[in-house]
Structures are given as structure tokens and as C-alpha cells.
Amino acid sequence: MNIKTNFRIAGVVLFFIGIAAGCKKSNDVIIPPTAAHFMNQTAGTFFITAPDVVYKLPIGVTTVSDKDRTVSIGVSSPTGAVQGTQFTLPSSVTIPAGKAVDTLIIKGIYDQYTSGRKDTLVITIDNGKDAIGGSFNDTFRLALRGPCFEGDVDLNLLMGDYNNTNENFGGPYGPYTTSIIAVHPIDATSGEITVSNIFDFGWNPITFLLDWSDPNNRTVTLQQQSGIADAGTVNPAYAGLDISVRPYAGQIGTFSACTEKITIKMQVGVTGLGWFPTLYTIEMAR
């Protein structure tokens, strides 16, 4: 092959490259429209603990602009919360020029949530003036809750260790650790708890009844129980005998689900023999 032939081959190759290049599809970049979003957040809880507290929900946009942009906000409530009655929030948020984030301020009406009311808001980003609700992260669910309400008891939240337990049974003792090792709901306003390590001397767990049917007068009581421990742990004279416990006449315990404190009052006895006259009080605290 001579030099002239090589030039002809090179020309053919370049010709086909030119054809291929001329047949390529258009590679224009398509810039999506600006979208607003909830900064990758989808849900939250607003505890309305005072009249002046607010919930701050950040809203972002996908681009920065040299002018202000308005993001329109929609809201609904599957629980029946009403704008202006249970909550207030603006119908739009303005993203300032040169920025990509601003904040939606939500207020709860404190007086509406002091008795245990619970609501849910579904907040959406709607078509706005300059920024639109994109196809991602444009819905946020917000739970509204008031100050802790003593009538709203979740027994499961009471489980675990109470490291600051103090007692008085003819003299103070503590602090030491007791534990709620089991719970059993009975109905909407009562349930049982099982407490271990009362007396801090190897006693078996004891079961108590919690009642919050009157949130302002919550009670802790127990039914008489035996098989608690060796009575020698209370008085060596009764070693080998069994301990029983029962309510102490006129003395009722109480509890707070909000502060997670439990006061137990009971009478201790030797099974089949009689009861010690001293009131036994246990104060359980986290």
C-alpha cells in the first residue's frame, strides 16, 4: 500500500466519522422548573406547652434567584383541627432573593390542648407564584400535642428502672433501684404494673393497680398478695415464714405519668400470723 492509498483510507474514515457526528441526537440540557420542598422532612410533633411556643418548619427551593419567591401552603386535618381555632399558619412563605430556605411558623392555640386533645395537620406545598410544589417531599404531617396530660397514660412508657427509689418502713432507706418489669392494661383508664426489687432485699415482684379515671386523683392500690419473701428479711424472729402485703387502711398511693413518679403505700405482714402496724411507703422516681 502506497502513501496515496493511505490518504484515501484516511479520507474514508473521516467521512464516516463526519456522518456519525452529523447523525447524533440533540444533547440539549433541560433545566427543570424550580421546586419547593420540606428539606427532606416528612413528619414531626409539636408540643404546645405554653401560649407563645411555635413550631418552625423549614421550606427550601431547588434554585437560588435574584428575586423573592412565594411558596403557597395548604393545610388539612384528618382529626378536625380548624385554622384559627386549634392552630394558625400562614398561607404562603416568601423565600428572599439570594436564598434557598425560609421558615413556616406554626402556632397552636394553647387553651385547646390543656385537656389532652390531639390533632394531626397535613401540610402541603401548593402551586405558588414563583415556586411550585415538586414531585418530591411536598407533604408534611405534624402531630399537635398539649402539655403532658395526666389522663393520657401509656403504661409502656412507665416500664424500666427507677434509680431514685426511697422508702420509709419505720425509718428511711435509699436511694436504690426498683423496676417496672411488666404492665397490663385493664381498660381505658386502669391497668396493672409489676414492680421488682421493692425493699431491696430479694423480694419477689409485687403487682399494683393504677387507676386514672379521675386525672386529678390518680391512685395506686394492690390486692393482698403472698409469697413475697422470707419474713426473716423484715424481722429475724420470723425467718422461714412467708411475707404477705395488702392495702394499708385509709392510705392510697398515687402516680404521675408526666413526671414518672410513683408512690406506693401498703402494709406488710407474716402470712398466717398477722400484720406489722407500720405503714410502708415507697417513692419511685427515675
Protein backbone atom coordinates (compact mmCIF):
# COMPACT_ATOMS: atom_id res chain seq x y z
CA MET A 1 0.00 0.00 0.00
CA ASN A 2 1.48 3.35 -1.06
CA ILE A 3 1.19 6.72 0.56
CA LYS A 4 -1.57 7.77 -1.83
CA THR A 5 -3.72 4.76 -0.79
CA ASN A 6 -3.23 5.56 2.90
CA PHE A 7 -4.57 9.07 2.27
CA ARG A 8 -7.66 7.62 0.57
CA ILE A 9 -8.38 5.30 3.56
CA ALA A 10 -7.93 8.15 6.00
CA GLY A 11 -10.36 10.20 4.00
CA VAL A 12 -12.96 7.43 4.07
CA VAL A 13 -12.58 7.08 7.83
CA LEU A 14 -13.00 10.81 8.33
CA PHE A 15 -16.05 10.79 6.06
CA PHE A 16 -17.80 8.18 8.16
CA ILE A 17 -16.88 9.93 11.37
CA GLY A 18 -18.45 13.07 9.95
CA ILE A 19 -21.63 11.18 9.08
CA ALA A 20 -21.80 9.66 12.53
CA ALA A 21 -21.33 13.01 14.17
CA GLY A 22 -23.97 14.55 11.98
CA CYS A 23 -26.48 11.84 12.94
CA LYS A 24 -26.16 12.19 16.73
CA LYS A 25 -29.33 13.12 18.58
CA SER A 26 -29.61 16.54 20.14
CA ASN A 27 -27.92 16.71 23.56
CA ASP A 28 -29.57 19.91 24.83
CA VAL A 29 -29.75 20.22 28.68
CA ILE A 30 -33.29 20.56 30.01
CA ILE A 31 -33.43 22.66 33.20
CA PRO A 32 -36.29 21.54 35.46
CA PRO A 33 -38.57 24.18 36.93
CA THR A 34 -37.90 25.43 40.44
CA ALA A 35 -39.48 23.20 43.10
CA ALA A 36 -40.16 23.80 46.78
CA HIS A 37 -39.77 21.07 49.40
CA PHE A 38 -39.71 20.37 53.15
CA MET A 39 -35.94 19.82 53.37
CA ASN A 40 -36.29 16.01 53.42
CA GLN A 41 -38.56 16.10 56.47
CA THR A 42 -41.88 14.26 56.33
CA ALA A 43 -43.29 14.32 59.88
CA GLY A 44 -42.90 15.92 63.30
CA THR A 45 -44.57 16.55 66.67
CA PHE A 46 -45.46 19.97 68.05
CA PHE A 47 -45.77 20.06 71.86
CA ILE A 48 -47.86 23.13 72.72
CA THR A 49 -46.55 23.63 76.24
CA ALA A 50 -47.21 27.38 76.55
CA PRO A 51 -49.22 30.06 74.72
CA ASP A 52 -46.19 31.54 72.99
CA VAL A 53 -44.41 28.44 71.68
CA VAL A 54 -44.21 27.95 67.90
CA TYR A 55 -43.16 25.19 65.52
CA LYS A 56 -40.63 26.15 62.86
CA LEU A 57 -40.83 24.12 59.65
CA PRO A 58 -38.06 24.86 57.12
CA ILE A 59 -39.00 25.13 53.44
CA GLY A 60 -36.42 25.08 50.69
CA VAL A 61 -36.32 25.60 46.94
CA THR A 62 -34.11 23.86 44.43
CA THR A 63 -32.59 27.04 42.96
CA VAL A 64 -31.43 30.46 44.12
CA SER A 65 -32.93 33.51 42.47
CA ASP A 66 -32.22 37.22 42.39
CA LYS A 67 -35.82 37.97 43.37
CA ASP A 68 -38.22 37.00 46.14
CA ARG A 69 -40.34 33.92 45.51
CA THR A 70 -43.61 32.87 47.09
CA VAL A 71 -44.37 29.29 48.13
CA SER A 72 -48.09 28.65 48.68
CA ILE A 73 -49.04 26.44 51.63
CA GLY A 74 -52.11 24.23 52.03
CA VAL A 75 -53.30 22.50 55.19
CA SER A 76 -55.92 19.93 56.16
CA SER A 77 -56.63 17.97 59.31
CA PRO A 78 -57.96 14.39 59.44
CA THR A 79 -58.71 14.94 63.14
CA GLY A 80 -60.81 18.08 62.62
CA ALA A 81 -58.40 20.80 63.72
CA VAL A 82 -59.53 24.17 62.40
CA GLN A 83 -57.36 27.08 61.29
CA GLY A 84 -57.81 29.91 63.79
CA THR A 85 -59.33 27.64 66.45
CA GLN A 86 -56.75 24.95 67.15
CA PHE A 87 -53.83 26.37 65.17
CA THR A 88 -52.68 29.15 62.87
CA LEU A 89 -50.24 29.10 59.99
CA PRO A 90 -49.73 31.44 57.01
CA SER A 91 -50.97 30.55 53.54
CA SER A 92 -47.57 31.24 51.99
CA VAL A 93 -43.87 31.63 52.70
CA THR A 94 -41.55 34.06 50.93
CA ILE A 95 -38.07 32.85 50.01
CA PRO A 96 -35.93 36.03 49.95
CA ALA A 97 -33.79 36.88 46.94
CA GLY A 98 -30.42 35.18 47.09
CA LYS A 99 -31.62 32.47 49.48
CA ALA A 100 -32.92 28.94 49.08
CA VAL A 101 -34.50 28.35 52.52
CA ASP A 102 -37.05 30.06 54.75
CA THR A 103 -39.30 29.00 57.64
CA LEU A 104 -43.01 28.31 58.03
CA ILE A 105 -44.13 29.39 61.53
CA ILE A 106 -46.97 27.33 63.03
CA LYS A 107 -48.74 28.28 66.25
CA GLY A 108 -51.01 26.12 68.38
CA ILE A 109 -53.87 27.57 70.43
CA TYR A 110 -52.71 26.60 73.91
CA ASP A 111 -56.14 26.58 75.59
CA GLN A 112 -57.33 23.93 73.12
CA TYR A 113 -54.73 21.39 74.25
CA THR A 114 -54.67 21.55 78.04
CA SER A 115 -57.11 18.65 78.45
CA GLY A 116 -55.45 16.02 76.30
CA ARG A 117 -56.67 16.93 72.82
CA LYS A 118 -54.53 15.52 69.98
CA ASP A 119 -54.58 16.59 66.35
CA THR A 120 -52.76 15.96 63.09
CA LEU A 121 -52.13 18.52 60.37
CA VAL A 122 -51.29 17.57 56.79
CA ILE A 123 -49.29 20.49 55.37
CA THR A 124 -48.68 20.65 51.62
CA ILE A 125 -46.75 22.81 49.19
CA ASP A 126 -49.20 24.02 46.53
CA ASN A 127 -48.68 25.77 43.21
CA GLY A 128 -47.24 29.15 44.11
CA LYS A 129 -46.46 32.39 42.39
CA ASP A 130 -42.80 31.71 41.66
CA ALA A 131 -42.06 28.30 43.19
CA ILE A 132 -44.08 25.13 42.77
CA GLY A 133 -44.60 22.04 44.87
CA GLY A 134 -42.36 19.46 43.27
CA SER A 135 -42.99 15.77 42.90
CA PHE A 136 -40.84 15.02 45.96
CA ASN A 137 -41.12 15.92 49.67
CA ASP A 138 -44.11 18.25 49.28
CA THR A 139 -46.22 16.84 52.16
CA PHE A 140 -45.51 17.09 55.89
CA ARG A 141 -47.59 15.57 58.73
CA LEU A 142 -47.50 17.44 62.03
CA ALA A 143 -48.89 15.99 65.28
CA LEU A 144 -50.21 18.59 67.74
CA ARG A 145 -49.97 17.75 71.45
CA GLY A 146 -50.53 19.90 74.52
CA PRO A 147 -48.75 19.88 77.87
CA CYS A 148 -48.46 16.46 79.42
CA PHE A 149 -51.97 15.41 80.49
CA GLU A 150 -52.22 13.06 83.47
CA GLY A 151 -55.28 11.41 81.97
CA ASP A 152 -53.27 10.30 78.92
CA VAL A 153 -51.41 7.29 80.32
CA ASP A 154 -49.30 4.90 78.27
CA LEU A 155 -48.31 2.13 80.66
CA ASN A 156 -45.48 1.03 78.40
CA LEU A 157 -43.74 4.36 78.99
CA LEU A 158 -43.66 3.61 82.73
CA MET A 159 -41.61 0.45 82.28
CA GLY A 160 -37.94 0.31 83.22
CA ASP A 161 -35.68 1.27 86.11
CA TYR A 162 -36.42 3.80 88.83
CA ASN A 163 -32.93 4.53 90.13
CA ASN A 164 -34.05 7.08 92.71
CA THR A 165 -36.33 4.94 94.83
CA ASN A 166 -36.61 5.87 98.50
CA GLU A 167 -38.73 4.23 101.17
CA ASN A 168 -39.83 4.50 104.76
CA PHE A 169 -40.70 1.45 106.82
CA GLY A 170 -40.02 2.51 110.37
CA GLY A 171 -37.08 4.57 109.06
CA PRO A 172 -35.82 6.00 105.76
CA TYR A 173 -33.81 3.96 103.27
CA GLY A 174 -32.45 4.75 99.81
CA PRO A 175 -31.94 5.68 97.17
CA TYR A 176 -31.91 2.31 95.45
CA THR A 177 -33.27 0.86 92.20
CA THR A 178 -36.68 -0.66 91.62
CA SER A 179 -38.02 -1.65 88.20
CA ILE A 180 -41.38 -1.96 86.49
CA ILE A 181 -40.89 -5.23 84.65
CA ALA A 182 -44.41 -5.76 83.24
CA VAL A 183 -47.60 -3.83 82.52
CA HIS A 184 -51.11 -5.00 81.72
CA PRO A 185 -53.86 -2.61 80.56
CA ILE A 186 -57.29 -3.41 82.01
CA ASP A 187 -59.42 -0.75 80.32
CA ALA A 188 -59.05 2.80 79.04
CA THR A 189 -58.35 4.25 82.49
CA SER A 190 -56.73 1.48 84.53
CA GLY A 191 -54.02 -1.12 84.36
CA GLU A 192 -51.57 -3.22 86.35
CA ILE A 193 -47.84 -2.78 86.86
CA THR A 194 -45.43 -5.36 88.28
CA VAL A 195 -42.58 -3.91 90.35
CA SER A 196 -39.39 -5.77 91.20
CA ASN A 197 -36.82 -5.20 93.98
CA ILE A 198 -39.14 -3.48 96.44
CA PHE A 199 -37.38 -3.49 99.85
CA ASP A 200 -34.03 -4.07 98.09
CA PHE A 201 -33.59 -7.43 99.80
CA GLY A 202 -34.52 -10.10 97.26
CA TRP A 203 -38.30 -9.84 97.48
CA ASN A 204 -40.38 -11.25 94.65
CA PRO A 205 -42.15 -8.79 92.29
CA ILE A 206 -45.40 -7.23 93.52
CA THR A 207 -48.36 -6.23 91.31
CA PHE A 208 -50.23 -2.93 91.74
CA LEU A 209 -53.36 -1.44 90.19
CA LEU A 210 -53.13 2.04 88.63
CA ASP A 211 -56.35 3.99 88.10
CA TRP A 212 -56.56 7.34 86.30
CA SER A 213 -60.32 7.57 85.70
CA ASP A 214 -60.06 10.88 87.59
CA PRO A 215 -56.91 12.51 86.15
CA ASN A 216 -56.74 14.80 89.18
CA ASN A 217 -56.91 11.90 91.65
CA ARG A 218 -54.82 9.05 90.29
CA THR A 219 -54.45 6.04 92.58
CA VAL A 220 -52.10 3.11 93.20
CA THR A 221 -53.55 0.18 95.13
CA LEU A 222 -52.93 -3.53 95.45
CA GLN A 223 -54.79 -6.67 96.30
CA GLN A 224 -53.46 -8.85 99.11
CA GLN A 225 -50.56 -10.96 97.87
CA SER A 226 -48.47 -13.68 99.48
CA GLY A 227 -45.27 -15.47 98.56
CA ILE A 228 -43.36 -12.20 98.62
CA ALA A 229 -40.21 -13.17 100.54
CA ASP A 230 -38.81 -14.80 103.65
CA ALA A 231 -40.23 -12.91 106.63
CA GLY A 232 -36.76 -13.00 108.19
CA THR A 233 -35.82 -10.14 105.85
CA VAL A 234 -38.12 -7.93 107.94
CA ASN A 235 -37.55 -9.46 111.37
CA PRO A 236 -35.16 -12.35 112.06
CA ALA A 237 -37.68 -13.74 114.54
CA TYR A 238 -39.86 -14.78 111.60
CA ALA A 239 -37.16 -16.40 109.48
CA GLY A 240 -38.52 -19.23 107.35
CA LEU A 241 -42.03 -17.83 107.26
CA ASP A 242 -43.68 -16.03 104.35
CA ILE A 243 -44.42 -12.34 103.79
CA SER A 244 -47.80 -11.01 102.64
CA VAL A 245 -48.70 -7.48 101.55
CA ARG A 246 -52.06 -5.70 101.44
CA PRO A 247 -53.52 -2.15 101.32
CA TYR A 248 -52.99 -0.11 104.48
CA ALA A 249 -56.33 1.13 105.82
CA GLY A 250 -57.07 4.64 104.61
CA GLN A 251 -53.75 5.00 102.77
CA ILE A 252 -53.76 5.16 98.95
CA GLY A 253 -50.75 5.64 96.70
CA THR A 254 -50.59 7.88 93.66
CA PHE A 255 -48.58 8.27 90.44
CA SER A 256 -47.72 10.75 87.71
CA ALA A 257 -47.29 9.65 84.12
CA CYS A 258 -45.89 13.10 83.32
CA THR A 259 -43.09 13.11 85.88
CA GLU A 260 -42.79 9.29 86.01
CA LYS A 261 -43.05 9.18 89.78
CA ILE A 262 -44.96 6.53 91.73
CA THR A 263 -45.89 6.50 95.42
CA ILE A 264 -46.82 3.12 96.90
CA LYS A 265 -48.39 2.64 100.31
CA MET A 266 -49.04 -0.79 101.82
CA GLN A 267 -49.00 -2.97 104.90
CA VAL A 268 -46.57 -5.86 105.40
CA GLY A 269 -47.39 -8.99 107.36
CA VAL A 270 -46.32 -12.53 108.16
CA THR A 271 -48.60 -14.90 106.29
CA GLY A 272 -50.98 -16.65 108.68
CA LEU A 273 -49.76 -14.75 111.76
CA GLY A 274 -50.60 -11.05 111.45
CA TRP A 275 -49.60 -7.61 110.18
CA PHE A 276 -46.95 -5.13 111.18
CA PRO A 277 -48.58 -1.86 112.31
CA THR A 278 -46.10 0.37 110.44
CA LEU A 279 -47.11 1.95 107.13
CA TYR A 280 -44.67 1.01 104.37
CA THR A 281 -44.22 3.83 101.82
CA ILE A 282 -42.12 3.58 98.64
CA GLU A 283 -41.35 6.62 96.46
CA MET A 284 -40.22 5.55 92.97
CA ALA A 285 -38.55 8.09 90.70
CA ARG A 286 -36.38 7.92 87.61
